[in-house]
Amino acid sequence: MASADDDATVSAALSIHDPQDWPVVLTTSQVADLLLVDRQTILAMIKRGDLPASRVGKPYRIAPEDVWPLVPPGIRDRWPAGPWRDGD
């Protein structure tokens, strides 16, 4: 679900189990939906420095590989090979 501060809309639900289908950059809403947390939690993590993000205008953008450490290990183990697995 997008908000005024998060201008991208999600046309199809993203799955934490299919990272190969994720866009090149994620919005805060997309990350919140993937991790099943509130968007405010993601914003707080960015502000604390726990989640790297870049601003494009007002909205934040997050690289999928920065979401990697936040995904539970049991799910990460089932992910297919891909750029987010570098250093794993």
C-alpha atoms as a PDB file:
ATOM      1  CA  MET A   1       0.000   0.000   0.000  1.00  0.00           C
ATOM      2  CA  ALA A   2       1.563   3.317  -1.068  1.00  0.00           C
ATOM      3  CA  SER A   3       1.278   6.621   0.738  1.00  0.00           C
ATOM      4  CA  ALA A   4       1.840  10.267  -0.078  1.00  0.00           C
ATOM      5  CA  ASP A   5       5.506   9.934   0.921  1.00  0.00           C
ATOM      6  CA  ASP A   6       5.916   6.740  -1.070  1.00  0.00           C
ATOM      7  CA  ASP A   7       4.964   7.545  -4.650  1.00  0.00           C
ATOM      8  CA  ALA A   8       5.363   4.085  -6.201  1.00  0.00           C
ATOM      9  CA  THR A   9       2.364   1.836  -6.298  1.00  0.00           C
ATOM     10  CA  VAL A  10       2.617  -1.918  -6.189  1.00  0.00           C
ATOM     11  CA  SER A  11       0.788  -3.442  -9.148  1.00  0.00           C
ATOM     12  CA  ALA A  12       1.212  -7.007  -7.916  1.00  0.00           C
ATOM     13  CA  ALA A  13       2.019  -8.260  -4.453  1.00  0.00           C
ATOM     14  CA  LEU A  14       5.683  -9.059  -3.930  1.00  0.00           C
ATOM     15  CA  SER A  15       6.634 -12.254  -2.168  1.00  0.00           C
ATOM     16  CA  ILE A  16       9.444 -12.685   0.302  1.00  0.00           C
ATOM     17  CA  HIS A  17       9.863 -16.135  -1.257  1.00  0.00           C
ATOM     18  CA  ASP A  18      10.455 -14.797  -4.789  1.00  0.00           C
ATOM     19  CA  PRO A  19      13.130 -12.091  -4.580  1.00  0.00           C
ATOM     20  CA  GLN A  20      13.991 -12.591  -8.248  1.00  0.00           C
ATOM     21  CA  ASP A  21      10.653 -10.858  -8.980  1.00  0.00           C
ATOM     22  CA  TRP A  22      11.436  -7.799  -6.853  1.00  0.00           C
ATOM     23  CA  PRO A  23      12.110  -4.477  -8.570  1.00  0.00           C
ATOM     24  CA  VAL A  24      15.656  -3.076  -8.668  1.00  0.00           C
ATOM     25  CA  VAL A  25      14.758  -0.732  -5.793  1.00  0.00           C
ATOM     26  CA  LEU A  26      12.009  -1.082  -3.215  1.00  0.00           C
ATOM     27  CA  THR A  27       9.799   1.493  -1.552  1.00  0.00           C
ATOM     28  CA  THR A  28       9.313   1.633   2.189  1.00  0.00           C
ATOM     29  CA  SER A  29       5.794   0.278   1.707  1.00  0.00           C
ATOM     30  CA  GLN A  30       7.058  -2.665  -0.330  1.00  0.00           C
ATOM     31  CA  VAL A  31       9.663  -3.539   2.318  1.00  0.00           C
ATOM     32  CA  ALA A  32       7.037  -3.255   5.056  1.00  0.00           C
ATOM     33  CA  ASP A  33       4.703  -5.544   3.123  1.00  0.00           C
ATOM     34  CA  LEU A  34       7.493  -8.075   2.498  1.00  0.00           C
ATOM     35  CA  LEU A  35       8.521  -8.179   6.160  1.00  0.00           C
ATOM     36  CA  LEU A  36       4.946  -7.997   7.484  1.00  0.00           C
ATOM     37  CA  VAL A  37       5.606  -4.897   9.563  1.00  0.00           C
ATOM     38  CA  ASP A  38       4.170  -1.407   9.609  1.00  0.00           C
ATOM     39  CA  ARG A  39       5.695   1.156   7.236  1.00  0.00           C
ATOM     40  CA  GLN A  40       6.492   3.338  10.254  1.00  0.00           C
ATOM     41  CA  THR A  41       8.747   0.529  11.515  1.00  0.00           C
ATOM     42  CA  ILE A  42      10.720   0.664   8.262  1.00  0.00           C
ATOM     43  CA  LEU A  43      10.999   4.457   8.487  1.00  0.00           C
ATOM     44  CA  ALA A  44      12.247   4.170  12.072  1.00  0.00           C
ATOM     45  CA  MET A  45      14.844   1.591  10.992  1.00  0.00           C
ATOM     46  CA  ILE A  46      16.060   3.961   8.273  1.00  0.00           C
ATOM     47  CA  LYS A  47      16.266   6.889  10.694  1.00  0.00           C
ATOM     48  CA  ARG A  48      18.237   4.777  13.222  1.00  0.00           C
ATOM     49  CA  GLY A  49      20.618   3.655  10.477  1.00  0.00           C
ATOM     50  CA  ASP A  50      19.531   0.004  10.734  1.00  0.00           C
ATOM     51  CA  LEU A  51      18.367  -0.083   7.108  1.00  0.00           C
ATOM     52  CA  PRO A  52      20.297   1.739   4.365  1.00  0.00           C
ATOM     53  CA  ALA A  53      18.097   3.821   2.073  1.00  0.00           C
ATOM     54  CA  SER A  54      18.456   6.642  -0.414  1.00  0.00           C
ATOM     55  CA  ARG A  55      16.076   9.485  -0.976  1.00  0.00           C
ATOM     56  CA  VAL A  56      14.735  10.224  -4.422  1.00  0.00           C
ATOM     57  CA  GLY A  57      12.958  13.495  -3.789  1.00  0.00           C
ATOM     58  CA  LYS A  58      11.000  12.902  -0.594  1.00  0.00           C
ATOM     59  CA  PRO A  59      10.433   9.108  -0.785  1.00  0.00           C
ATOM     60  CA  TYR A  60      13.070   6.601   0.277  1.00  0.00           C
ATOM     61  CA  ARG A  61      14.303   3.807  -1.970  1.00  0.00           C
ATOM     62  CA  ILE A  62      15.864   0.628  -0.599  1.00  0.00           C
ATOM     63  CA  ALA A  63      18.111  -1.853  -2.396  1.00  0.00           C
ATOM     64  CA  PRO A  64      16.860  -5.454  -2.226  1.00  0.00           C
ATOM     65  CA  GLU A  65      20.244  -6.652  -0.964  1.00  0.00           C
ATOM     66  CA  ASP A  66      19.820  -4.381   2.070  1.00  0.00           C
ATOM     67  CA  VAL A  67      16.587  -6.190   2.923  1.00  0.00           C
ATOM     68  CA  TRP A  68      18.452  -9.559   2.853  1.00  0.00           C
ATOM     69  CA  PRO A  69      19.684  -9.489   6.489  1.00  0.00           C
ATOM     70  CA  LEU A  70      16.158  -8.771   7.717  1.00  0.00           C
ATOM     71  CA  VAL A  71      14.646 -11.898   6.160  1.00  0.00           C
ATOM     72  CA  PRO A  72      14.478 -14.906   8.518  1.00  0.00           C
ATOM     73  CA  PRO A  73      17.275 -17.445   7.808  1.00  0.00           C
ATOM     74  CA  GLY A  74      14.830 -20.284   7.146  1.00  0.00           C
ATOM     75  CA  ILE A  75      13.332 -18.312   4.264  1.00  0.00           C
ATOM     76  CA  ARG A  76      16.704 -17.073   2.959  1.00  0.00           C
ATOM     77  CA  ASP A  77      17.931 -20.687   2.737  1.00  0.00           C
ATOM     78  CA  ARG A  78      15.208 -21.436   0.193  1.00  0.00           C
ATOM     79  CA  TRP A  79      15.908 -18.431  -2.030  1.00  0.00           C
ATOM     80  CA  PRO A  80      17.319 -19.103  -5.486  1.00  0.00           C
ATOM     81  CA  ALA A  81      20.766 -17.839  -6.442  1.00  0.00           C
ATOM     82  CA  GLY A  82      20.799 -14.159  -7.321  1.00  0.00           C
ATOM     83  CA  PRO A  83      22.510 -10.830  -6.729  1.00  0.00           C
ATOM     84  CA  TRP A  84      21.000 -10.521  -3.221  1.00  0.00           C
ATOM     85  CA  ARG A  85      22.892 -13.680  -2.183  1.00  0.00           C
ATOM     86  CA  ASP A  86      26.362 -12.185  -2.710  1.00  0.00           C
ATOM     87  CA  GLY A  87      28.480 -12.739   0.363  1.00  0.00           C
ATOM     88  CA  ASP A  88      26.065 -15.327   1.756  1.00  0.00           C
END
